[in-house]
Amino acid sequence: KAWRKSELESEQLQKENTRSQLMTLRNHLDPHFLFNNLNILSSLMDKDLEQSKSYLDKFAEIYRQILKTEHSDLTTLEEEMQLIDSYIYLLKTRFKDQVFYDFKIDKDALQKALPPLTIQMLIENAIKHNLATLEKPIKIEIYLEGNGLVVKNNIQKKKYLSREREASGLKNIEKRYGFFTDEKVEVIETEKCFIVKVPLIDIEYES
């Protein structure tokens, strides 16, 4: 009995440690996102009150989605894309025609799962690390390939970003995936494109 109790306590401690690591990784996402968008909202309020209200509504919708998955380590692709729809609105307000998006998602894949904010982070990374102008816009594609989801963008790198900072978002995603699957996050960089393929996880639903 003592051995079994010790084993159960060890298992519980391991679960709590895993949960703590996941929460640390999740909490790393929010401050930067909040700070950047509050700055944009502040700027909009000085120029266009109606647009700033619409921006705030979409911003609130994103946080509603984030709070919805606060106690979930995985979210469905459908829920993630709902968040992305609102996120794209914020980006279009900020960048207009300097960034283009092309999404091709099969409905059959919408109930598969991934760590929350995975796609949002990959889009944010594409914009954070590349120059966007009207003459040379950033082009972001999201599509299915095999059992995974691909996020692809053209490369127009900013020169001042350190390699360590550049890789931090990807490391975050890779660590979170490591808790749920042995399938790896694939990263491919060519002369013209940066491609990240993340696994989509099958989850069982209770009947």
N, C-alpha and C. Protein backbone atom coordinates (compact mmCIF):
# COMPACT_ATOMS: atom_id res chain seq x y z
N LYS A 1 0.83 -1.21 0.00
CA LYS A 1 0.00 0.00 0.00
C LYS A 1 0.87 1.27 0.00
N ALA A 2 1.93 1.22 0.80
CA ALA A 2 2.82 2.37 0.87
C ALA A 2 3.49 2.63 -0.47
N TRP A 3 3.90 1.52 -1.15
CA TRP A 3 4.53 1.65 -2.47
C TRP A 3 3.55 2.23 -3.47
N ARG A 4 2.29 1.73 -3.43
CA ARG A 4 1.27 2.21 -4.36
C ARG A 4 0.95 3.69 -4.11
N LYS A 5 0.89 4.05 -2.84
CA LYS A 5 0.63 5.45 -2.50
C LYS A 5 1.75 6.35 -3.01
N SER A 6 2.99 5.89 -2.84
CA SER A 6 4.15 6.65 -3.31
C SER A 6 4.12 6.78 -4.83
N GLU A 7 3.72 5.71 -5.51
CA GLU A 7 3.65 5.73 -6.98
C GLU A 7 2.59 6.72 -7.46
N LEU A 8 1.43 6.72 -6.80
CA LEU A 8 0.35 7.64 -7.16
C LEU A 8 0.75 9.09 -6.92
N GLU A 9 1.44 9.32 -5.78
CA GLU A 9 1.89 10.67 -5.46
C GLU A 9 2.90 11.16 -6.50
N SER A 10 3.80 10.26 -6.92
CA SER A 10 4.80 10.60 -7.93
C SER A 10 4.13 10.93 -9.27
N GLU A 11 3.12 10.13 -9.62
CA GLU A 11 2.39 10.36 -10.87
C GLU A 11 1.65 11.69 -10.83
N GLN A 12 1.03 12.00 -9.68
CA GLN A 12 0.32 13.26 -9.52
C GLN A 12 1.28 14.44 -9.61
N LEU A 13 2.45 14.31 -8.98
CA LEU A 13 3.45 15.37 -9.01
C LEU A 13 3.93 15.62 -10.44
N GLN A 14 4.10 14.54 -11.19
CA GLN A 14 4.54 14.65 -12.58
C GLN A 14 3.48 15.38 -13.41
N LYS A 15 2.21 15.04 -13.18
CA LYS A 15 1.11 15.70 -13.90
C LYS A 15 1.07 17.20 -13.58
N GLU A 16 1.24 17.52 -12.29
CA GLU A 16 1.21 18.92 -11.87
C GLU A 16 2.39 19.69 -12.47
N ASN A 17 3.55 19.03 -12.53
CA ASN A 17 4.73 19.65 -13.12
C ASN A 17 4.52 19.91 -14.61
N THR A 18 3.93 18.92 -15.29
CA THR A 18 3.62 19.07 -16.71
C THR A 18 2.65 20.23 -16.92
N ARG A 19 1.62 20.27 -16.06
CA ARG A 19 0.61 21.33 -16.16
C ARG A 19 1.25 22.69 -15.95
N SER A 20 2.16 22.78 -14.98
CA SER A 20 2.84 24.03 -14.69
C SER A 20 3.68 24.49 -15.88
N GLN A 21 4.39 23.54 -16.52
CA GLN A 21 5.20 23.88 -17.69
C GLN A 21 4.32 24.39 -18.84
N LEU A 22 3.19 23.71 -19.04
CA LEU A 22 2.27 24.14 -20.11
C LEU A 22 1.73 25.54 -19.85
N MET A 23 1.35 25.81 -18.61
CA MET A 23 0.82 27.13 -18.27
C MET A 23 1.88 28.21 -18.47
N THR A 24 3.13 27.89 -18.13
CA THR A 24 4.22 28.85 -18.33
C THR A 24 4.37 29.18 -19.81
N LEU A 25 4.30 28.15 -20.66
CA LEU A 25 4.42 28.35 -22.11
C LEU A 25 3.24 29.14 -22.64
N ARG A 26 2.03 28.85 -22.15
CA ARG A 26 0.83 29.56 -22.62
C ARG A 26 0.89 31.03 -22.19
N ASN A 27 1.29 31.28 -20.95
CA ASN A 27 1.31 32.66 -20.45
C ASN A 27 2.34 33.52 -21.16
N HIS A 28 3.34 32.88 -21.77
CA HIS A 28 4.36 33.61 -22.52
C HIS A 28 3.76 34.30 -23.75
N LEU A 29 2.63 33.79 -24.23
CA LEU A 29 2.05 34.32 -25.46
C LEU A 29 1.35 35.66 -25.25
N ASP A 30 0.67 35.79 -24.12
CA ASP A 30 -0.29 36.87 -23.97
C ASP A 30 0.29 38.28 -23.84
N PRO A 31 1.33 38.53 -23.04
CA PRO A 31 1.77 39.92 -22.82
C PRO A 31 2.16 40.66 -24.10
N HIS A 32 2.90 40.03 -25.00
CA HIS A 32 3.31 40.71 -26.23
C HIS A 32 2.11 41.04 -27.09
N PHE A 33 1.21 40.09 -27.19
CA PHE A 33 0.01 40.27 -27.99
C PHE A 33 -0.83 41.42 -27.45
N LEU A 34 -1.01 41.46 -26.14
CA LEU A 34 -1.78 42.51 -25.49
C LEU A 34 -1.14 43.88 -25.70
N PHE A 35 0.15 43.97 -25.47
CA PHE A 35 0.88 45.24 -25.57
C PHE A 35 0.79 45.82 -26.99
N ASN A 36 1.06 44.98 -27.99
CA ASN A 36 1.05 45.45 -29.38
C ASN A 36 -0.31 45.99 -29.79
N ASN A 37 -1.36 45.26 -29.44
CA ASN A 37 -2.69 45.65 -29.90
C ASN A 37 -3.27 46.83 -29.13
N LEU A 38 -2.90 46.99 -27.87
CA LEU A 38 -3.33 48.18 -27.14
C LEU A 38 -2.70 49.44 -27.72
N ASN A 39 -1.47 49.32 -28.19
CA ASN A 39 -0.81 50.46 -28.85
C ASN A 39 -1.55 50.86 -30.13
N ILE A 40 -1.94 49.86 -30.92
CA ILE A 40 -2.67 50.12 -32.16
C ILE A 40 -4.03 50.74 -31.85
N LEU A 41 -4.72 50.18 -30.85
CA LEU A 41 -6.03 50.70 -30.47
C LEU A 41 -5.94 52.15 -30.01
N SER A 42 -4.91 52.45 -29.24
CA SER A 42 -4.70 53.82 -28.77
C SER A 42 -4.52 54.78 -29.95
N SER A 43 -3.75 54.34 -30.94
CA SER A 43 -3.53 55.16 -32.13
C SER A 43 -4.81 55.37 -32.92
N LEU A 44 -5.60 54.31 -33.05
CA LEU A 44 -6.86 54.39 -33.80
C LEU A 44 -7.85 55.34 -33.15
N MET A 45 -7.88 55.38 -31.84
CA MET A 45 -8.85 56.22 -31.13
C MET A 45 -8.64 57.70 -31.43
N ASP A 46 -7.42 58.06 -31.77
CA ASP A 46 -7.14 59.45 -32.12
C ASP A 46 -7.57 59.79 -33.55
N LYS A 47 -7.75 58.74 -34.39
CA LYS A 47 -8.02 58.97 -35.81
C LYS A 47 -9.46 58.66 -36.21
N ASP A 48 -9.99 57.55 -35.73
CA ASP A 48 -11.29 57.08 -36.20
C ASP A 48 -11.98 56.32 -35.08
N LEU A 49 -12.93 56.96 -34.44
CA LEU A 49 -13.59 56.39 -33.27
C LEU A 49 -14.40 55.15 -33.63
N GLU A 50 -15.10 55.19 -34.78
CA GLU A 50 -15.91 54.04 -35.19
C GLU A 50 -15.04 52.82 -35.47
N GLN A 51 -13.94 53.04 -36.17
CA GLN A 51 -13.03 51.93 -36.47
C GLN A 51 -12.39 51.39 -35.20
N SER A 52 -12.10 52.28 -34.27
CA SER A 52 -11.50 51.83 -33.01
C SER A 52 -12.48 50.96 -32.23
N LYS A 53 -13.80 51.25 -32.33
CA LYS A 53 -14.82 50.41 -31.67
C LYS A 53 -14.85 49.03 -32.31
N SER A 54 -14.80 48.98 -33.64
CA SER A 54 -14.79 47.69 -34.34
C SER A 54 -13.54 46.89 -33.98
N TYR A 55 -12.42 47.60 -33.91
CA TYR A 55 -11.14 46.96 -33.55
C TYR A 55 -11.23 46.38 -32.15
N LEU A 56 -11.82 47.15 -31.23
CA LEU A 56 -11.94 46.69 -29.85
C LEU A 56 -12.84 45.46 -29.76
N ASP A 57 -13.92 45.44 -30.57
CA ASP A 57 -14.82 44.28 -30.59
C ASP A 57 -14.07 43.02 -31.01
N LYS A 58 -13.26 43.14 -32.07
CA LYS A 58 -12.50 41.98 -32.55
C LYS A 58 -11.42 41.57 -31.54
N PHE A 59 -10.82 42.57 -30.93
CA PHE A 59 -9.81 42.31 -29.91
C PHE A 59 -10.43 41.55 -28.74
N ALA A 60 -11.64 41.98 -28.33
CA ALA A 60 -12.35 41.30 -27.25
C ALA A 60 -12.74 39.88 -27.64
N GLU A 61 -13.10 39.69 -28.92
CA GLU A 61 -13.46 38.36 -29.40
C GLU A 61 -12.27 37.41 -29.32
N ILE A 62 -11.09 37.92 -29.63
CA ILE A 62 -9.88 37.08 -29.53
C ILE A 62 -9.66 36.65 -28.08
N TYR A 63 -9.80 37.59 -27.15
CA TYR A 63 -9.58 37.22 -25.76
C TYR A 63 -10.70 36.32 -25.23
N ARG A 64 -11.89 36.45 -25.77
CA ARG A 64 -12.96 35.53 -25.41
C ARG A 64 -12.58 34.10 -25.81
N GLN A 65 -12.00 33.96 -27.02
CA GLN A 65 -11.56 32.65 -27.49
C GLN A 65 -10.39 32.13 -26.64
N ILE A 66 -9.48 33.04 -26.26
CA ILE A 66 -8.35 32.63 -25.43
C ILE A 66 -8.84 32.13 -24.06
N LEU A 67 -9.78 32.87 -23.46
CA LEU A 67 -10.32 32.49 -22.16
C LEU A 67 -11.10 31.18 -22.25
N LYS A 68 -11.72 30.96 -23.40
CA LYS A 68 -12.49 29.73 -23.62
C LYS A 68 -11.59 28.50 -23.52
N THR A 69 -10.33 28.65 -23.91
CA THR A 69 -9.39 27.53 -23.87
C THR A 69 -8.41 27.64 -22.70
N GLU A 70 -8.76 28.48 -21.71
CA GLU A 70 -7.84 28.74 -20.60
C GLU A 70 -7.47 27.46 -19.85
N HIS A 71 -8.44 26.56 -19.70
CA HIS A 71 -8.18 25.33 -18.96
C HIS A 71 -8.05 24.13 -19.89
N SER A 72 -7.85 24.40 -21.19
CA SER A 72 -7.67 23.32 -22.17
C SER A 72 -6.27 23.41 -22.76
N ASP A 73 -5.60 22.30 -22.81
CA ASP A 73 -4.26 22.27 -23.37
C ASP A 73 -4.29 22.14 -24.89
N LEU A 74 -5.45 21.71 -25.41
CA LEU A 74 -5.65 21.59 -26.85
C LEU A 74 -6.94 22.29 -27.23
N THR A 75 -6.99 22.76 -28.48
CA THR A 75 -8.21 23.35 -29.02
C THR A 75 -8.46 22.74 -30.39
N THR A 76 -9.68 22.83 -30.88
CA THR A 76 -9.94 22.30 -32.22
C THR A 76 -9.45 23.30 -33.27
N LEU A 77 -9.18 22.79 -34.43
CA LEU A 77 -8.77 23.66 -35.54
C LEU A 77 -9.88 24.66 -35.85
N GLU A 78 -11.13 24.24 -35.70
CA GLU A 78 -12.26 25.14 -35.94
C GLU A 78 -12.23 26.33 -35.00
N GLU A 79 -11.99 26.08 -33.71
CA GLU A 79 -11.92 27.17 -32.74
C GLU A 79 -10.71 28.06 -33.00
N GLU A 80 -9.60 27.45 -33.37
CA GLU A 80 -8.39 28.23 -33.67
C GLU A 80 -8.63 29.16 -34.87
N MET A 81 -9.33 28.67 -35.89
CA MET A 81 -9.58 29.48 -37.08
C MET A 81 -10.58 30.60 -36.80
N GLN A 82 -11.49 30.38 -35.86
CA GLN A 82 -12.39 31.46 -35.44
C GLN A 82 -11.59 32.60 -34.82
N LEU A 83 -10.62 32.23 -34.00
CA LEU A 83 -9.73 33.24 -33.42
C LEU A 83 -8.93 33.94 -34.51
N ILE A 84 -8.44 33.16 -35.49
CA ILE A 84 -7.62 33.72 -36.56
C ILE A 84 -8.41 34.71 -37.41
N ASP A 85 -9.69 34.46 -37.63
CA ASP A 85 -10.53 35.40 -38.38
C ASP A 85 -10.51 36.78 -37.73
N SER A 86 -10.66 36.80 -36.40
CA SER A 86 -10.62 38.08 -35.69
C SER A 86 -9.22 38.68 -35.70
N TYR A 87 -8.22 37.81 -35.57
CA TYR A 87 -6.83 38.27 -35.57
C TYR A 87 -6.46 38.91 -36.91
N ILE A 88 -6.92 38.32 -38.00
CA ILE A 88 -6.65 38.86 -39.33
C ILE A 88 -7.27 40.24 -39.49
N TYR A 89 -8.45 40.44 -38.89
CA TYR A 89 -9.07 41.77 -38.93
C TYR A 89 -8.15 42.81 -38.29
N LEU A 90 -7.57 42.45 -37.16
CA LEU A 90 -6.65 43.39 -36.50
C LEU A 90 -5.43 43.68 -37.38
N LEU A 91 -4.91 42.63 -38.02
CA LEU A 91 -3.73 42.81 -38.87
C LEU A 91 -4.04 43.63 -40.11
N LYS A 92 -5.21 43.42 -40.70
CA LYS A 92 -5.60 44.20 -41.89
C LYS A 92 -5.77 45.67 -41.53
N THR A 93 -6.26 45.92 -40.34
CA THR A 93 -6.40 47.31 -39.88
C THR A 93 -5.03 47.96 -39.76
N ARG A 94 -4.08 47.20 -39.30
CA ARG A 94 -2.73 47.74 -39.08
C ARG A 94 -1.92 47.83 -40.37
N PHE A 95 -1.94 46.75 -41.18
CA PHE A 95 -1.04 46.66 -42.33
C PHE A 95 -1.71 46.90 -43.69
N LYS A 96 -3.04 46.83 -43.73
CA LYS A 96 -3.79 47.01 -44.98
C LYS A 96 -3.24 46.08 -46.07
N ASP A 97 -2.80 46.63 -47.20
CA ASP A 97 -2.36 45.80 -48.33
C ASP A 97 -0.88 45.42 -48.26
N GLN A 98 -0.29 45.57 -47.10
CA GLN A 98 1.11 45.16 -46.95
C GLN A 98 1.24 43.67 -46.59
N VAL A 99 0.11 43.07 -46.24
CA VAL A 99 0.10 41.65 -45.90
C VAL A 99 -1.11 40.99 -46.56
N PHE A 100 -0.90 39.84 -47.22
CA PHE A 100 -1.97 39.09 -47.87
C PHE A 100 -2.09 37.71 -47.24
N TYR A 101 -3.31 37.18 -47.23
CA TYR A 101 -3.58 35.90 -46.60
C TYR A 101 -4.34 35.00 -47.55
N ASP A 102 -3.98 33.71 -47.56
CA ASP A 102 -4.67 32.72 -48.38
C ASP A 102 -4.84 31.45 -47.54
N PHE A 103 -6.09 31.18 -47.12
CA PHE A 103 -6.36 30.04 -46.26
C PHE A 103 -7.16 28.98 -47.01
N LYS A 104 -6.71 27.74 -46.95
CA LYS A 104 -7.44 26.62 -47.56
C LYS A 104 -7.53 25.50 -46.53
N ILE A 105 -8.66 25.44 -45.84
CA ILE A 105 -8.86 24.46 -44.78
C ILE A 105 -10.06 23.58 -45.11
N ASP A 106 -9.84 22.28 -45.18
CA ASP A 106 -10.91 21.32 -45.43
C ASP A 106 -11.77 21.16 -44.18
N LYS A 107 -13.09 21.16 -44.36
CA LYS A 107 -14.01 21.03 -43.23
C LYS A 107 -13.79 19.75 -42.44
N ASP A 108 -13.34 18.70 -43.12
CA ASP A 108 -13.13 17.41 -42.45
C ASP A 108 -12.05 17.48 -41.37
N ALA A 109 -11.18 18.50 -41.45
CA ALA A 109 -10.07 18.61 -40.49
C ALA A 109 -10.40 19.51 -39.31
N LEU A 110 -11.56 20.16 -39.32
CA LEU A 110 -11.85 21.18 -38.32
C LEU A 110 -11.96 20.65 -36.89
N GLN A 111 -12.28 19.37 -36.73
CA GLN A 111 -12.41 18.82 -35.38
C GLN A 111 -11.11 18.20 -34.87
N LYS A 112 -10.06 18.27 -35.65
CA LYS A 112 -8.76 17.85 -35.16
C LYS A 112 -8.20 18.93 -34.23
N ALA A 113 -7.17 18.59 -33.47
CA ALA A 113 -6.73 19.49 -32.40
C ALA A 113 -5.29 19.93 -32.56
N LEU A 114 -4.98 21.03 -31.86
CA LEU A 114 -3.62 21.57 -31.79
C LEU A 114 -3.54 22.45 -30.56
N PRO A 115 -2.35 22.75 -30.05
CA PRO A 115 -2.23 23.65 -28.91
C PRO A 115 -2.80 25.03 -29.25
N PRO A 116 -3.55 25.65 -28.32
CA PRO A 116 -4.15 26.96 -28.60
C PRO A 116 -3.12 28.00 -29.01
N LEU A 117 -3.50 28.84 -29.96
CA LEU A 117 -2.71 29.98 -30.44
C LEU A 117 -1.51 29.58 -31.30
N THR A 118 -1.44 28.31 -31.71
CA THR A 118 -0.33 27.87 -32.56
C THR A 118 -0.29 28.67 -33.87
N ILE A 119 -1.42 28.74 -34.56
CA ILE A 119 -1.46 29.43 -35.85
C ILE A 119 -1.25 30.92 -35.66
N GLN A 120 -1.85 31.47 -34.61
CA GLN A 120 -1.68 32.90 -34.33
C GLN A 120 -0.21 33.25 -34.15
N MET A 121 0.51 32.40 -33.42
CA MET A 121 1.94 32.65 -33.19
C MET A 121 2.74 32.59 -34.49
N LEU A 122 2.39 31.64 -35.36
CA LEU A 122 3.13 31.49 -36.62
C LEU A 122 2.88 32.67 -37.55
N ILE A 123 1.64 33.17 -37.57
CA ILE A 123 1.34 34.37 -38.37
C ILE A 123 2.07 35.57 -37.79
N GLU A 124 2.02 35.69 -36.46
CA GLU A 124 2.71 36.80 -35.79
C GLU A 124 4.21 36.77 -36.07
N ASN A 125 4.80 35.58 -36.05
CA ASN A 125 6.23 35.44 -36.34
C ASN A 125 6.56 35.88 -37.76
N ALA A 126 5.70 35.49 -38.71
CA ALA A 126 5.93 35.85 -40.12
C ALA A 126 5.98 37.36 -40.28
N ILE A 127 5.10 38.05 -39.59
CA ILE A 127 5.03 39.51 -39.70
C ILE A 127 6.14 40.17 -38.89
N LYS A 128 6.45 39.61 -37.72
CA LYS A 128 7.47 40.19 -36.84
C LYS A 128 8.86 40.12 -37.46
N HIS A 129 9.12 39.06 -38.23
CA HIS A 129 10.47 38.82 -38.73
C HIS A 129 10.72 39.30 -40.15
N ASN A 130 9.66 39.80 -40.82
CA ASN A 130 9.81 40.19 -42.22
C ASN A 130 9.33 41.62 -42.47
N LEU A 131 9.95 42.24 -43.45
CA LEU A 131 9.54 43.58 -43.86
C LEU A 131 8.27 43.50 -44.71
N ALA A 132 7.32 44.38 -44.44
CA ALA A 132 6.07 44.42 -45.20
C ALA A 132 5.89 45.82 -45.79
N THR A 133 5.82 45.90 -47.11
CA THR A 133 5.57 47.17 -47.80
C THR A 133 4.51 46.95 -48.87
N LEU A 134 3.98 48.04 -49.43
CA LEU A 134 3.01 47.92 -50.51
C LEU A 134 3.65 47.30 -51.75
N GLU A 135 4.92 47.65 -51.98
CA GLU A 135 5.63 47.12 -53.15
C GLU A 135 6.02 45.66 -52.94
N LYS A 136 6.36 45.31 -51.70
CA LYS A 136 6.75 43.93 -51.38
C LYS A 136 5.98 43.44 -50.17
N PRO A 137 4.73 43.04 -50.38
CA PRO A 137 3.92 42.58 -49.25
C PRO A 137 4.34 41.21 -48.75
N ILE A 138 4.01 40.93 -47.50
CA ILE A 138 4.18 39.58 -46.96
C ILE A 138 2.97 38.75 -47.40
N LYS A 139 3.22 37.54 -47.85
CA LYS A 139 2.15 36.64 -48.27
C LYS A 139 2.15 35.42 -47.36
N ILE A 140 1.02 35.20 -46.69
CA ILE A 140 0.91 34.10 -45.74
C ILE A 140 -0.13 33.10 -46.24
N GLU A 141 0.29 31.85 -46.35
CA GLU A 141 -0.61 30.78 -46.79
C GLU A 141 -0.80 29.78 -45.66
N ILE A 142 -2.03 29.31 -45.50
CA ILE A 142 -2.33 28.26 -44.54
C ILE A 142 -3.12 27.18 -45.26
N TYR A 143 -2.62 25.95 -45.23
CA TYR A 143 -3.30 24.87 -45.94
C TYR A 143 -2.96 23.53 -45.30
N LEU A 144 -3.76 22.52 -45.65
CA LEU A 144 -3.54 21.17 -45.13
C LEU A 144 -2.59 20.41 -46.03
N GLU A 145 -1.77 19.57 -45.41
CA GLU A 145 -0.86 18.70 -46.17
C GLU A 145 -0.69 17.41 -45.39
N GLY A 146 -1.19 16.30 -45.95
CA GLY A 146 -1.14 15.04 -45.23
C GLY A 146 -1.93 15.15 -43.93
N ASN A 147 -1.30 14.76 -42.82
CA ASN A 147 -1.97 14.84 -41.51
C ASN A 147 -1.62 16.11 -40.74
N GLY A 148 -1.05 17.07 -41.44
CA GLY A 148 -0.64 18.29 -40.76
C GLY A 148 -1.18 19.56 -41.40
N LEU A 149 -0.87 20.67 -40.74
CA LEU A 149 -1.27 21.99 -41.21
C LEU A 149 -0.02 22.80 -41.51
N VAL A 150 0.00 23.45 -42.66
CA VAL A 150 1.17 24.20 -43.09
C VAL A 150 0.89 25.71 -43.01
N VAL A 151 1.83 26.43 -42.44
CA VAL A 151 1.82 27.90 -42.47
C VAL A 151 3.08 28.33 -43.22
N LYS A 152 2.88 29.04 -44.33
CA LYS A 152 3.99 29.37 -45.23
C LYS A 152 3.99 30.88 -45.50
N ASN A 153 5.17 31.46 -45.50
CA ASN A 153 5.28 32.88 -45.86
C ASN A 153 6.54 33.13 -46.68
N ASN A 154 6.50 34.17 -47.49
CA ASN A 154 7.70 34.57 -48.23
C ASN A 154 8.68 35.25 -47.27
N ILE A 155 9.95 35.26 -47.64
CA ILE A 155 11.00 35.78 -46.76
C ILE A 155 11.46 37.16 -47.23
N GLN A 156 11.36 38.12 -46.32
CA GLN A 156 11.89 39.48 -46.52
C GLN A 156 12.43 39.94 -45.16
N LYS A 157 13.46 39.29 -44.70
CA LYS A 157 13.87 39.39 -43.31
C LYS A 157 14.30 40.79 -42.88
N LYS A 158 13.89 41.11 -41.64
CA LYS A 158 14.41 42.30 -40.99
C LYS A 158 15.83 41.98 -40.52
N LYS A 159 16.74 42.90 -40.72
CA LYS A 159 18.15 42.63 -40.44
C LYS A 159 18.50 42.69 -38.96
N TYR A 160 17.70 43.40 -38.18
CA TYR A 160 18.12 43.65 -36.80
C TYR A 160 17.66 42.59 -35.80
N LEU A 161 16.85 41.60 -36.23
CA LEU A 161 16.38 40.58 -35.30
C LEU A 161 17.47 39.55 -35.01
N SER A 162 17.67 39.24 -33.74
CA SER A 162 18.64 38.21 -33.38
C SER A 162 18.08 36.83 -33.69
N ARG A 163 18.97 35.87 -33.96
CA ARG A 163 18.53 34.50 -34.25
C ARG A 163 17.81 33.90 -33.04
N GLU A 164 18.25 34.26 -31.84
CA GLU A 164 17.62 33.72 -30.62
C GLU A 164 16.18 34.19 -30.52
N ARG A 165 15.96 35.48 -30.76
CA ARG A 165 14.61 36.01 -30.68
C ARG A 165 13.75 35.43 -31.79
N GLU A 166 14.36 35.24 -32.94
CA GLU A 166 13.65 34.72 -34.09
C GLU A 166 13.10 33.33 -33.83
N ALA A 167 13.83 32.53 -33.06
CA ALA A 167 13.45 31.13 -32.85
C ALA A 167 12.57 30.92 -31.63
N SER A 168 12.35 31.92 -30.80
CA SER A 168 11.66 31.73 -29.53
C SER A 168 10.22 31.25 -29.71
N GLY A 169 9.51 31.81 -30.67
CA GLY A 169 8.13 31.39 -30.90
C GLY A 169 8.03 29.95 -31.34
N LEU A 170 8.93 29.53 -32.22
CA LEU A 170 8.93 28.15 -32.70
C LEU A 170 9.27 27.17 -31.57
N LYS A 171 10.21 27.55 -30.72
CA LYS A 171 10.57 26.68 -29.60
C LYS A 171 9.37 26.50 -28.67
N ASN A 172 8.62 27.58 -28.47
CA ASN A 172 7.43 27.51 -27.63
C ASN A 172 6.44 26.50 -28.20
N ILE A 173 6.19 26.57 -29.50
CA ILE A 173 5.26 25.66 -30.16
C ILE A 173 5.77 24.22 -30.08
N GLU A 174 7.04 24.02 -30.35
CA GLU A 174 7.62 22.67 -30.32
C GLU A 174 7.50 22.05 -28.92
N LYS A 175 7.76 22.84 -27.88
CA LYS A 175 7.67 22.32 -26.51
C LYS A 175 6.24 21.93 -26.17
N ARG A 176 5.28 22.75 -26.57
CA ARG A 176 3.88 22.42 -26.26
C ARG A 176 3.44 21.16 -27.00
N TYR A 177 3.85 21.02 -28.24
CA TYR A 177 3.50 19.81 -29.00
C TYR A 177 4.12 18.57 -28.36
N GLY A 178 5.29 18.73 -27.76
CA GLY A 178 5.99 17.60 -27.16
C GLY A 178 5.22 16.93 -26.05
N PHE A 179 4.25 17.62 -25.46
CA PHE A 179 3.45 17.04 -24.39
C PHE A 179 2.36 16.11 -24.92
N PHE A 180 2.03 16.23 -26.21
CA PHE A 180 0.85 15.53 -26.73
C PHE A 180 1.13 14.52 -27.84
N THR A 181 2.24 14.63 -28.51
CA THR A 181 2.49 13.75 -29.64
C THR A 181 3.99 13.59 -29.88
N ASP A 182 4.34 12.44 -30.45
CA ASP A 182 5.73 12.21 -30.83
C ASP A 182 6.03 12.79 -32.22
N GLU A 183 4.96 13.19 -32.93
CA GLU A 183 5.16 13.80 -34.25
C GLU A 183 5.82 15.16 -34.07
N LYS A 184 6.76 15.45 -34.95
CA LYS A 184 7.56 16.66 -34.81
C LYS A 184 6.98 17.83 -35.61
N VAL A 185 7.24 19.02 -35.12
CA VAL A 185 6.97 20.24 -35.89
C VAL A 185 8.08 20.36 -36.93
N GLU A 186 7.69 20.47 -38.20
CA GLU A 186 8.68 20.55 -39.28
C GLU A 186 8.90 22.01 -39.68
N VAL A 187 10.16 22.39 -39.79
CA VAL A 187 10.51 23.75 -40.21
C VAL A 187 11.40 23.67 -41.44
N ILE A 188 10.97 24.32 -42.51
CA ILE A 188 11.73 24.31 -43.77
C ILE A 188 11.95 25.76 -44.20
N GLU A 189 13.21 26.11 -44.40
CA GLU A 189 13.53 27.47 -44.87
C GLU A 189 14.29 27.38 -46.18
N THR A 190 13.74 28.01 -47.21
CA THR A 190 14.41 28.08 -48.50
C THR A 190 14.85 29.52 -48.73
N GLU A 191 15.35 29.78 -49.90
CA GLU A 191 15.78 31.15 -50.23
C GLU A 191 14.60 32.11 -50.24
N LYS A 192 13.43 31.59 -50.62
CA LYS A 192 12.27 32.47 -50.81
C LYS A 192 11.16 32.29 -49.78
N CYS A 193 11.11 31.12 -49.14
CA CYS A 193 9.96 30.82 -48.28
C CYS A 193 10.37 30.27 -46.92
N PHE A 194 9.53 30.53 -45.93
CA PHE A 194 9.66 29.93 -44.61
C PHE A 194 8.40 29.12 -44.36
N ILE A 195 8.57 27.82 -44.09
CA ILE A 195 7.43 26.91 -43.99
C ILE A 195 7.47 26.18 -42.66
N VAL A 196 6.34 26.18 -41.96
CA VAL A 196 6.21 25.40 -40.73
C VAL A 196 5.02 24.47 -40.88
N LYS A 197 5.27 23.19 -40.65
CA LYS A 197 4.19 22.20 -40.69
C LYS A 197 4.00 21.64 -39.29
N VAL A 198 2.78 21.80 -38.76
CA VAL A 198 2.47 21.30 -37.42
C VAL A 198 1.51 20.12 -37.52
N PRO A 199 1.66 19.13 -36.64
CA PRO A 199 0.74 17.99 -36.66
C PRO A 199 -0.66 18.42 -36.22
N LEU A 200 -1.67 17.78 -36.79
CA LEU A 200 -3.03 17.91 -36.29
C LEU A 200 -3.33 16.65 -35.51
N ILE A 201 -3.81 16.81 -34.29
CA ILE A 201 -3.96 15.70 -33.36
C ILE A 201 -5.40 15.19 -33.36
N ASP A 202 -5.56 13.90 -33.51
CA ASP A 202 -6.89 13.29 -33.44
C ASP A 202 -7.31 13.19 -31.98
N ILE A 203 -8.52 13.67 -31.68
CA ILE A 203 -9.03 13.58 -30.32
C ILE A 203 -10.33 12.80 -30.33
N GLU A 204 -10.56 12.05 -29.26
CA GLU A 204 -11.77 11.24 -29.17
C GLU A 204 -12.84 12.02 -28.43
N TYR A 205 -14.06 11.96 -28.98
CA TYR A 205 -15.19 12.63 -28.36
C TYR A 205 -16.10 11.58 -27.72
N GLU A 206 -16.60 11.90 -26.52
CA GLU A 206 -17.50 10.98 -25.85
C GLU A 206 -18.83 10.93 -26.57
N SER A 207 -19.35 9.74 -26.75
CA SER A 207 -20.63 9.59 -27.43
C SER A 207 -21.78 9.80 -26.48
